[in-house]
PDB file of N, CA and C in Angstrom:
ATOM      1  N   MET A   1     -46.967  32.720 -47.028  1.00  0.00           N
ATOM      2  CA  MET A   1     -47.370  34.095 -46.909  1.00  0.00           C
ATOM      3  C   MET A   1     -48.752  34.249 -47.547  1.00  0.00           C
ATOM      4  N   VAL A   2     -49.585  35.091 -46.962  1.00  0.00           N
ATOM      5  CA  VAL A   2     -50.932  35.338 -47.450  1.00  0.00           C
ATOM      6  C   VAL A   2     -50.943  36.649 -48.217  1.00  0.00           C
ATOM      7  N   VAL A   3     -51.601  36.662 -49.332  1.00  0.00           N
ATOM      8  CA  VAL A   3     -51.768  37.886 -50.115  1.00  0.00           C
ATOM      9  C   VAL A   3     -53.047  38.570 -49.650  1.00  0.00           C
ATOM     10  N   ALA A   4     -52.958  39.874 -49.322  1.00  0.00           N
ATOM     11  CA  ALA A   4     -54.121  40.629 -48.852  1.00  0.00           C
ATOM     12  C   ALA A   4     -54.294  41.862 -49.731  1.00  0.00           C
ATOM     13  N   GLN A   5     -55.523  42.215 -49.957  1.00  0.00           N
ATOM     14  CA  GLN A   5     -55.825  43.400 -50.750  1.00  0.00           C
ATOM     15  C   GLN A   5     -56.343  44.476 -49.807  1.00  0.00           C
ATOM     16  N   VAL A   6     -55.768  45.675 -49.896  1.00  0.00           N
ATOM     17  CA  VAL A   6     -56.220  46.796 -49.076  1.00  0.00           C
ATOM     18  C   VAL A   6     -56.523  47.976 -49.990  1.00  0.00           C
ATOM     19  N   GLU A   7     -57.440  48.822 -49.527  1.00  0.00           N
ATOM     20  CA  GLU A   7     -57.761  50.032 -50.279  1.00  0.00           C
ATOM     21  C   GLU A   7     -57.120  51.211 -49.578  1.00  0.00           C
ATOM     22  N   LEU A   8     -56.406  52.030 -50.353  1.00  0.00           N
ATOM     23  CA  LEU A   8     -55.741  53.214 -49.831  1.00  0.00           C
ATOM     24  C   LEU A   8     -56.252  54.436 -50.570  1.00  0.00           C
ATOM     25  N   THR A   9     -56.189  55.563 -49.894  1.00  0.00           N
ATOM     26  CA  THR A   9     -56.498  56.802 -50.601  1.00  0.00           C
ATOM     27  C   THR A   9     -55.335  57.100 -51.539  1.00  0.00           C
ATOM     28  N   ASP A  10     -55.567  57.995 -52.481  1.00  0.00           N
ATOM     29  CA  ASP A  10     -54.484  58.371 -53.393  1.00  0.00           C
ATOM     30  C   ASP A  10     -53.308  58.941 -52.610  1.00  0.00           C
ATOM     31  N   GLU A  11     -53.603  59.758 -51.616  1.00  0.00           N
ATOM     32  CA  GLU A  11     -52.540  60.373 -50.809  1.00  0.00           C
ATOM     33  C   GLU A  11     -51.750  59.303 -50.046  1.00  0.00           C
ATOM     34  N   GLU A  12     -52.444  58.332 -49.455  1.00  0.00           N
ATOM     35  CA  GLU A  12     -51.755  57.258 -48.724  1.00  0.00           C
ATOM     36  C   GLU A  12     -50.836  56.476 -49.655  1.00  0.00           C
ATOM     37  N   ALA A  13     -51.332  56.157 -50.832  1.00  0.00           N
ATOM     38  CA  ALA A  13     -50.536  55.402 -51.804  1.00  0.00           C
ATOM     39  C   ALA A  13     -49.298  56.191 -52.218  1.00  0.00           C
ATOM     40  N   GLU A  14     -49.471  57.481 -52.476  1.00  0.00           N
ATOM     41  CA  GLU A  14     -48.341  58.326 -52.880  1.00  0.00           C
ATOM     42  C   GLU A  14     -47.307  58.424 -51.761  1.00  0.00           C
ATOM     43  N   ARG A  15     -47.775  58.598 -50.533  1.00  0.00           N
ATOM     44  CA  ARG A  15     -46.854  58.715 -49.402  1.00  0.00           C
ATOM     45  C   ARG A  15     -46.132  57.397 -49.145  1.00  0.00           C
ATOM     46  N   LEU A  16     -46.841  56.281 -49.302  1.00  0.00           N
ATOM     47  CA  LEU A  16     -46.187  54.978 -49.152  1.00  0.00           C
ATOM     48  C   LEU A  16     -45.109  54.776 -50.222  1.00  0.00           C
ATOM     49  N   GLU A  17     -45.435  55.119 -51.451  1.00  0.00           N
ATOM     50  CA  GLU A  17     -44.460  54.997 -52.544  1.00  0.00           C
ATOM     51  C   GLU A  17     -43.222  55.843 -52.256  1.00  0.00           C
ATOM     52  N   ALA A  18     -43.437  57.075 -51.823  1.00  0.00           N
ATOM     53  CA  ALA A  18     -42.313  57.968 -51.523  1.00  0.00           C
ATOM     54  C   ALA A  18     -41.460  57.407 -50.390  1.00  0.00           C
ATOM     55  N   LEU A  19     -42.101  56.900 -49.350  1.00  0.00           N
ATOM     56  CA  LEU A  19     -41.371  56.329 -48.225  1.00  0.00           C
ATOM     57  C   LEU A  19     -40.588  55.090 -48.654  1.00  0.00           C
ATOM     58  N   ALA A  20     -41.209  54.253 -49.472  1.00  0.00           N
ATOM     59  CA  ALA A  20     -40.543  53.046 -49.959  1.00  0.00           C
ATOM     60  C   ALA A  20     -39.315  53.415 -50.794  1.00  0.00           C
ATOM     61  N   GLN A  21     -39.460  54.416 -51.657  1.00  0.00           N
ATOM     62  CA  GLN A  21     -38.322  54.844 -52.479  1.00  0.00           C
ATOM     63  C   GLN A  21     -37.215  55.423 -51.599  1.00  0.00           C
ATOM     64  N   GLU A  22     -37.607  56.208 -50.606  1.00  0.00           N
ATOM     65  CA  GLU A  22     -36.630  56.813 -49.700  1.00  0.00           C
ATOM     66  C   GLU A  22     -35.839  55.736 -48.946  1.00  0.00           C
ATOM     67  N   LYS A  23     -36.527  54.692 -48.493  1.00  0.00           N
ATOM     68  CA  LYS A  23     -35.885  53.619 -47.730  1.00  0.00           C
ATOM     69  C   LYS A  23     -35.324  52.522 -48.630  1.00  0.00           C
ATOM     70  N   GLN A  24     -35.622  52.622 -49.914  1.00  0.00           N
ATOM     71  CA  GLN A  24     -35.173  51.637 -50.903  1.00  0.00           C
ATOM     72  C   GLN A  24     -35.675  50.235 -50.562  1.00  0.00           C
ATOM     73  N   VAL A  25     -36.970  50.175 -50.256  1.00  0.00           N
ATOM     74  CA  VAL A  25     -37.644  48.900 -49.991  1.00  0.00           C
ATOM     75  C   VAL A  25     -38.970  48.926 -50.745  1.00  0.00           C
ATOM     76  N   SER A  26     -39.665  47.818 -50.733  1.00  0.00           N
ATOM     77  CA  SER A  26     -40.960  47.761 -51.410  1.00  0.00           C
ATOM     78  C   SER A  26     -42.062  48.342 -50.520  1.00  0.00           C
ATOM     79  N   VAL A  27     -43.147  48.735 -51.146  1.00  0.00           N
ATOM     80  CA  VAL A  27     -44.319  49.192 -50.406  1.00  0.00           C
ATOM     81  C   VAL A  27     -44.827  48.060 -49.523  1.00  0.00           C
ATOM     82  N   SER A  28     -44.778  46.839 -50.022  1.00  0.00           N
ATOM     83  CA  SER A  28     -45.213  45.680 -49.241  1.00  0.00           C
ATOM     84  C   SER A  28     -44.420  45.558 -47.947  1.00  0.00           C
ATOM     85  N   GLU A  29     -43.129  45.811 -48.012  1.00  0.00           N
ATOM     86  CA  GLU A  29     -42.304  45.718 -46.804  1.00  0.00           C
ATOM     87  C   GLU A  29     -42.693  46.807 -45.799  1.00  0.00           C
ATOM     88  N   ILE A  30     -42.958  48.000 -46.282  1.00  0.00           N
ATOM     89  CA  ILE A  30     -43.401  49.084 -45.392  1.00  0.00           C
ATOM     90  C   ILE A  30     -44.704  48.680 -44.697  1.00  0.00           C
ATOM     91  N   ILE A  31     -45.627  48.127 -45.466  1.00  0.00           N
ATOM     92  CA  ILE A  31     -46.927  47.719 -44.904  1.00  0.00           C
ATOM     93  C   ILE A  31     -46.745  46.580 -43.905  1.00  0.00           C
ATOM     94  N   ARG A  32     -45.926  45.580 -44.242  1.00  0.00           N
ATOM     95  CA  ARG A  32     -45.694  44.466 -43.301  1.00  0.00           C
ATOM     96  C   ARG A  32     -45.066  44.967 -42.007  1.00  0.00           C
ATOM     97  N   ASP A  33     -44.116  45.892 -42.109  1.00  0.00           N
ATOM     98  CA  ASP A  33     -43.492  46.453 -40.905  1.00  0.00           C
ATOM     99  C   ASP A  33     -44.525  47.182 -40.045  1.00  0.00           C
ATOM    100  N   ALA A  34     -45.416  47.922 -40.694  1.00  0.00           N
ATOM    101  CA  ALA A  34     -46.456  48.645 -39.955  1.00  0.00           C
ATOM    102  C   ALA A  34     -47.411  47.678 -39.261  1.00  0.00           C
ATOM    103  N   VAL A  35     -47.762  46.597 -39.929  1.00  0.00           N
ATOM    104  CA  VAL A  35     -48.648  45.592 -39.334  1.00  0.00           C
ATOM    105  C   VAL A  35     -47.962  44.948 -38.132  1.00  0.00           C
ATOM    106  N   GLN A  36     -46.706  44.571 -38.280  1.00  0.00           N
ATOM    107  CA  GLN A  36     -45.967  43.964 -37.169  1.00  0.00           C
ATOM    108  C   GLN A  36     -45.886  44.914 -35.971  1.00  0.00           C
ATOM    109  N   GLU A  37     -45.638  46.171 -36.227  1.00  0.00           N
ATOM    110  CA  GLU A  37     -45.561  47.157 -35.140  1.00  0.00           C
ATOM    111  C   GLU A  37     -46.897  47.268 -34.418  1.00  0.00           C
ATOM    112  N   ARG A  38     -47.994  47.290 -35.160  1.00  0.00           N
ATOM    113  CA  ARG A  38     -49.320  47.375 -34.539  1.00  0.00           C
ATOM    114  C   ARG A  38     -49.618  46.120 -33.734  1.00  0.00           C
ATOM    115  N   LEU A  39     -49.202  44.971 -34.221  1.00  0.00           N
ATOM    116  CA  LEU A  39     -49.435  43.725 -33.498  1.00  0.00           C
ATOM    117  C   LEU A  39     -48.603  43.661 -32.209  1.00  0.00           C
ATOM    118  N   ARG A  40     -47.411  44.246 -32.246  1.00  0.00           N
ATOM    119  CA  ARG A  40     -46.575  44.284 -31.041  1.00  0.00           C
ATOM    120  C   ARG A  40     -47.123  45.275 -30.020  1.00  0.00           C
ATOM    121  N   HIS A  41     -47.681  46.375 -30.492  1.00  0.00           N
ATOM    122  CA  HIS A  41     -48.162  47.448 -29.621  1.00  0.00           C
ATOM    123  C   HIS A  41     -49.567  47.864 -30.044  1.00  0.00           C
ATOM    124  N   PRO A  42     -50.557  47.069 -29.694  1.00  0.00           N
ATOM    125  CA  PRO A  42     -51.916  47.413 -30.104  1.00  0.00           C
ATOM    126  C   PRO A  42     -52.345  48.752 -29.503  1.00  0.00           C
ATOM    127  N   ALA A  43     -53.131  49.494 -30.235  1.00  0.00           N
ATOM    128  CA  ALA A  43     -53.579  50.803 -29.773  1.00  0.00           C
ATOM    129  C   ALA A  43     -54.488  50.674 -28.557  1.00  0.00           C
ATOM    130  N   GLU A  44     -55.336  49.692 -28.553  1.00  0.00           N
ATOM    131  CA  GLU A  44     -56.296  49.488 -27.468  1.00  0.00           C
ATOM    132  C   GLU A  44     -55.769  48.389 -26.544  1.00  0.00           C
ATOM    133  N   PRO A  45     -55.621  48.695 -25.240  1.00  0.00           N
ATOM    134  CA  PRO A  45     -55.162  47.639 -24.326  1.00  0.00           C
ATOM    135  C   PRO A  45     -56.170  46.499 -24.258  1.00  0.00           C
ATOM    136  N   THR A  46     -55.673  45.304 -24.013  1.00  0.00           N
ATOM    137  CA  THR A  46     -56.558  44.155 -23.860  1.00  0.00           C
ATOM    138  C   THR A  46     -57.354  44.300 -22.566  1.00  0.00           C
ATOM    139  N   MET A  47     -58.413  43.518 -22.439  1.00  0.00           N
ATOM    140  CA  MET A  47     -59.223  43.563 -21.213  1.00  0.00           C
ATOM    141  C   MET A  47     -58.375  43.183 -20.010  1.00  0.00           C
ATOM    142  N   ALA A  48     -57.483  42.215 -20.171  1.00  0.00           N
ATOM    143  CA  ALA A  48     -56.605  41.812 -19.066  1.00  0.00           C
ATOM    144  C   ALA A  48     -55.706  42.969 -18.639  1.00  0.00           C
ATOM    145  N   GLU A  49     -55.195  43.725 -19.616  1.00  0.00           N
ATOM    146  CA  GLU A  49     -54.354  44.875 -19.297  1.00  0.00           C
ATOM    147  C   GLU A  49     -55.166  45.968 -18.609  1.00  0.00           C
ATOM    148  N   LYS A  50     -56.395  46.186 -19.066  1.00  0.00           N
ATOM    149  CA  LYS A  50     -57.253  47.186 -18.413  1.00  0.00           C
ATOM    150  C   LYS A  50     -57.514  46.798 -16.961  1.00  0.00           C
ATOM    151  N   ARG A  51     -57.763  45.512 -16.711  1.00  0.00           N
ATOM    152  CA  ARG A  51     -57.993  45.047 -15.336  1.00  0.00           C
ATOM    153  C   ARG A  51     -56.742  45.242 -14.481  1.00  0.00           C
ATOM    154  N   ARG A  52     -55.571  44.887 -15.048  1.00  0.00           N
ATOM    155  CA  ARG A  52     -54.326  45.034 -14.307  1.00  0.00           C
ATOM    156  C   ARG A  52     -54.098  46.495 -13.934  1.00  0.00           C
ATOM    157  N   ARG A  53     -54.333  47.401 -14.876  1.00  0.00           N
ATOM    158  CA  ARG A  53     -54.163  48.829 -14.611  1.00  0.00           C
ATOM    159  C   ARG A  53     -55.144  49.319 -13.555  1.00  0.00           C
ATOM    160  N   ALA A  54     -56.387  48.870 -13.657  1.00  0.00           N
ATOM    161  CA  ALA A  54     -57.402  49.304 -12.692  1.00  0.00           C
ATOM    162  C   ALA A  54     -57.061  48.827 -11.290  1.00  0.00           C
ATOM    163  N   MET A  55     -56.550  47.605 -11.184  1.00  0.00           N
ATOM    164  CA  MET A  55     -56.212  47.062  -9.870  1.00  0.00           C
ATOM    165  C   MET A  55     -54.996  47.745  -9.261  1.00  0.00           C
ATOM    166  N   SER A  56     -54.185  48.402 -10.076  1.00  0.00           N
ATOM    167  CA  SER A  56     -52.986  49.056  -9.553  1.00  0.00           C
ATOM    168  C   SER A  56     -53.254  50.479  -9.068  1.00  0.00           C
ATOM    169  N   ILE A  57     -54.474  50.970  -9.277  1.00  0.00           N
ATOM    170  CA  ILE A  57     -54.815  52.335  -8.847  1.00  0.00           C
ATOM    171  C   ILE A  57     -55.066  52.325  -7.345  1.00  0.00           C
ATOM    172  N   PRO A  58     -54.375  53.220  -6.608  1.00  0.00           N
ATOM    173  CA  PRO A  58     -54.615  53.270  -5.167  1.00  0.00           C
ATOM    174  C   PRO A  58     -56.055  53.673  -4.872  1.00  0.00           C
ATOM    175  N   SER A  59     -56.590  53.133  -3.805  1.00  0.00           N
ATOM    176  CA  SER A  59     -57.950  53.507  -3.405  1.00  0.00           C
ATOM    177  C   SER A  59     -57.896  54.218  -2.061  1.00  0.00           C
ATOM    178  N   PHE A  60     -58.926  54.969  -1.772  1.00  0.00           N
ATOM    179  CA  PHE A  60     -58.999  55.741  -0.538  1.00  0.00           C
ATOM    180  C   PHE A  60     -60.218  55.305   0.253  1.00  0.00           C
ATOM    181  N   PRO A  61     -60.113  55.376   1.591  1.00  0.00           N
ATOM    182  CA  PRO A  61     -61.282  55.025   2.405  1.00  0.00           C
ATOM    183  C   PRO A  61     -62.451  55.943   2.081  1.00  0.00           C
ATOM    184  N   SER A  62     -63.653  55.408   2.142  1.00  0.00           N
ATOM    185  CA  SER A  62     -64.835  56.203   1.797  1.00  0.00           C
ATOM    186  C   SER A  62     -65.156  57.254   2.843  1.00  0.00           C
ATOM    187  N   ASP A  63     -64.563  57.167   4.046  1.00  0.00           N
ATOM    188  CA  ASP A  63     -64.860  58.144   5.088  1.00  0.00           C
ATOM    189  C   ASP A  63     -63.971  59.392   4.999  1.00  0.00           C
ATOM    190  N   VAL A  64     -63.135  59.484   3.963  1.00  0.00           N
ATOM    191  CA  VAL A  64     -62.276  60.646   3.797  1.00  0.00           C
ATOM    192  C   VAL A  64     -63.134  61.809   3.309  1.00  0.00           C
ATOM    193  N   THR A  65     -63.183  62.868   4.111  1.00  0.00           N
ATOM    194  CA  THR A  65     -64.020  64.021   3.756  1.00  0.00           C
ATOM    195  C   THR A  65     -63.205  65.215   3.285  1.00  0.00           C
ATOM    196  N   ASP A  66     -61.886  65.149   3.438  1.00  0.00           N
ATOM    197  CA  ASP A  66     -61.042  66.285   3.048  1.00  0.00           C
ATOM    198  C   ASP A  66     -60.141  65.955   1.857  1.00  0.00           C
ATOM    199  N   LEU A  67     -60.599  65.053   1.028  1.00  0.00           N
ATOM    200  CA  LEU A  67     -59.790  64.608  -0.105  1.00  0.00           C
ATOM    201  C   LEU A  67     -59.432  65.762  -1.035  1.00  0.00           C
ATOM    202  N   GLY A  68     -60.358  66.677  -1.257  1.00  0.00           N
ATOM    203  CA  GLY A  68     -60.083  67.817  -2.135  1.00  0.00           C
ATOM    204  C   GLY A  68     -58.938  68.672  -1.617  1.00  0.00           C
ATOM    205  N   ARG A  69     -58.881  68.877  -0.314  1.00  0.00           N
ATOM    206  CA  ARG A  69     -57.832  69.721   0.288  1.00  0.00           C
ATOM    207  C   ARG A  69     -56.510  68.979   0.433  1.00  0.00           C
ATOM    208  N   ASN A  70     -56.566  67.690   0.736  1.00  0.00           N
ATOM    209  CA  ASN A  70     -55.353  66.933   1.053  1.00  0.00           C
ATOM    210  C   ASN A  70     -55.036  65.840   0.036  1.00  0.00           C
ATOM    211  N   HIS A  71     -55.515  66.028  -1.164  1.00  0.00           N
ATOM    212  CA  HIS A  71     -55.333  65.027  -2.218  1.00  0.00           C
ATOM    213  C   HIS A  71     -53.877  64.606  -2.368  1.00  0.00           C
ATOM    214  N   ASP A  72     -52.961  65.588  -2.477  1.00  0.00           N
ATOM    215  CA  ASP A  72     -51.560  65.274  -2.731  1.00  0.00           C
ATOM    216  C   ASP A  72     -50.955  64.444  -1.604  1.00  0.00           C
ATOM    217  N   ARG A  73     -51.288  64.780  -0.369  1.00  0.00           N
ATOM    218  CA  ARG A  73     -50.752  64.029   0.776  1.00  0.00           C
ATOM    219  C   ARG A  73     -51.271  62.589   0.745  1.00  0.00           C
ATOM    220  N   TYR A  74     -52.576  62.428   0.522  1.00  0.00           N
ATOM    221  CA  TYR A  74     -53.150  61.082   0.474  1.00  0.00           C
ATOM    222  C   TYR A  74     -52.569  60.267  -0.682  1.00  0.00           C
ATOM    223  N   LEU A  75     -52.389  60.925  -1.807  1.00  0.00           N
ATOM    224  CA  LEU A  75     -51.838  60.225  -2.962  1.00  0.00           C
ATOM    225  C   LEU A  75     -50.407  59.773  -2.683  1.00  0.00           C
ATOM    226  N   ALA A  76     -49.602  60.649  -2.081  1.00  0.00           N
ATOM    227  CA  ALA A  76     -48.221  60.291  -1.743  1.00  0.00           C
ATOM    228  C   ALA A  76     -48.200  59.119  -0.768  1.00  0.00           C
ATOM    229  N   GLU A  77     -49.066  59.138   0.233  1.00  0.00           N
ATOM    230  CA  GLU A  77     -49.146  58.030   1.200  1.00  0.00           C
ATOM    231  C   GLU A  77     -49.547  56.733   0.508  1.00  0.00           C
ATOM    232  N   ALA A  78     -50.502  56.819  -0.403  1.00  0.00           N
ATOM    233  CA  ALA A  78     -50.946  55.616  -1.113  1.00  0.00           C
ATOM    234  C   ALA A  78     -49.837  55.040  -1.971  1.00  0.00           C
ATOM    235  N   PHE A  79     -49.103  55.906  -2.680  1.00  0.00           N
ATOM    236  CA  PHE A  79     -48.001  55.426  -3.511  1.00  0.00           C
ATOM    237  C   PHE A  79     -46.903  54.807  -2.652  1.00  0.00           C
ATOM    238  N   GLU A  80     -46.625  55.409  -1.506  1.00  0.00           N
ATOM    239  CA  GLU A  80     -45.596  54.856  -0.611  1.00  0.00           C
ATOM    240  C   GLU A  80     -45.990  53.457  -0.138  1.00  0.00           C
ATOM    241  N   SER A  81     -47.254  53.291   0.267  1.00  0.00           N
ATOM    242  CA  SER A  81     -47.680  51.975   0.731  1.00  0.00           C
ATOM    243  C   SER A  81     -47.753  50.976  -0.420  1.00  0.00           C
ATOM    244  N   TRP A  82     -48.103  51.439  -1.606  1.00  0.00           N
ATOM    245  CA  TRP A  82     -48.162  50.582  -2.795  1.00  0.00           C
ATOM    246  C   TRP A  82     -46.769  50.101  -3.174  1.00  0.00           C
ATOM    247  N   GLN A  83     -45.780  51.014  -3.120  1.00  0.00           N
ATOM    248  CA  GLN A  83     -44.415  50.656  -3.505  1.00  0.00           C
ATOM    249  C   GLN A  83     -43.765  49.732  -2.482  1.00  0.00           C
ATOM    250  N   SER A  84     -44.136  49.856  -1.216  1.00  0.00           N
ATOM    251  CA  SER A  84     -43.528  49.023  -0.194  1.00  0.00           C
ATOM    252  C   SER A  84     -44.153  47.642  -0.118  1.00  0.00           C
ATOM    253  N   SER A  85     -45.285  47.442  -0.795  1.00  0.00           N
ATOM    254  CA  SER A  85     -45.937  46.112  -0.739  1.00  0.00           C
ATOM    255  C   SER A  85     -45.490  45.222  -1.861  1.00  0.00           C
TER     256      SER A  85
END
């Protein structure tokens, strides 16, 4: 295990202490759990995830001139074709 030093505000330290006492665990355990959770679910998607999401967005032909009026219909058609593929 690696020992790490972090700086907390007084309020953060007090809230961590209170939470640790409430859960009857150490502050270190609360911090390790928080780190593990962040590592499992990073706040910022990876570049690969951003690409995957971008590629899953339906696209429309550039010659569509009534997209503003018929957006919902076109979107429904795109989702239907996306789901069937």
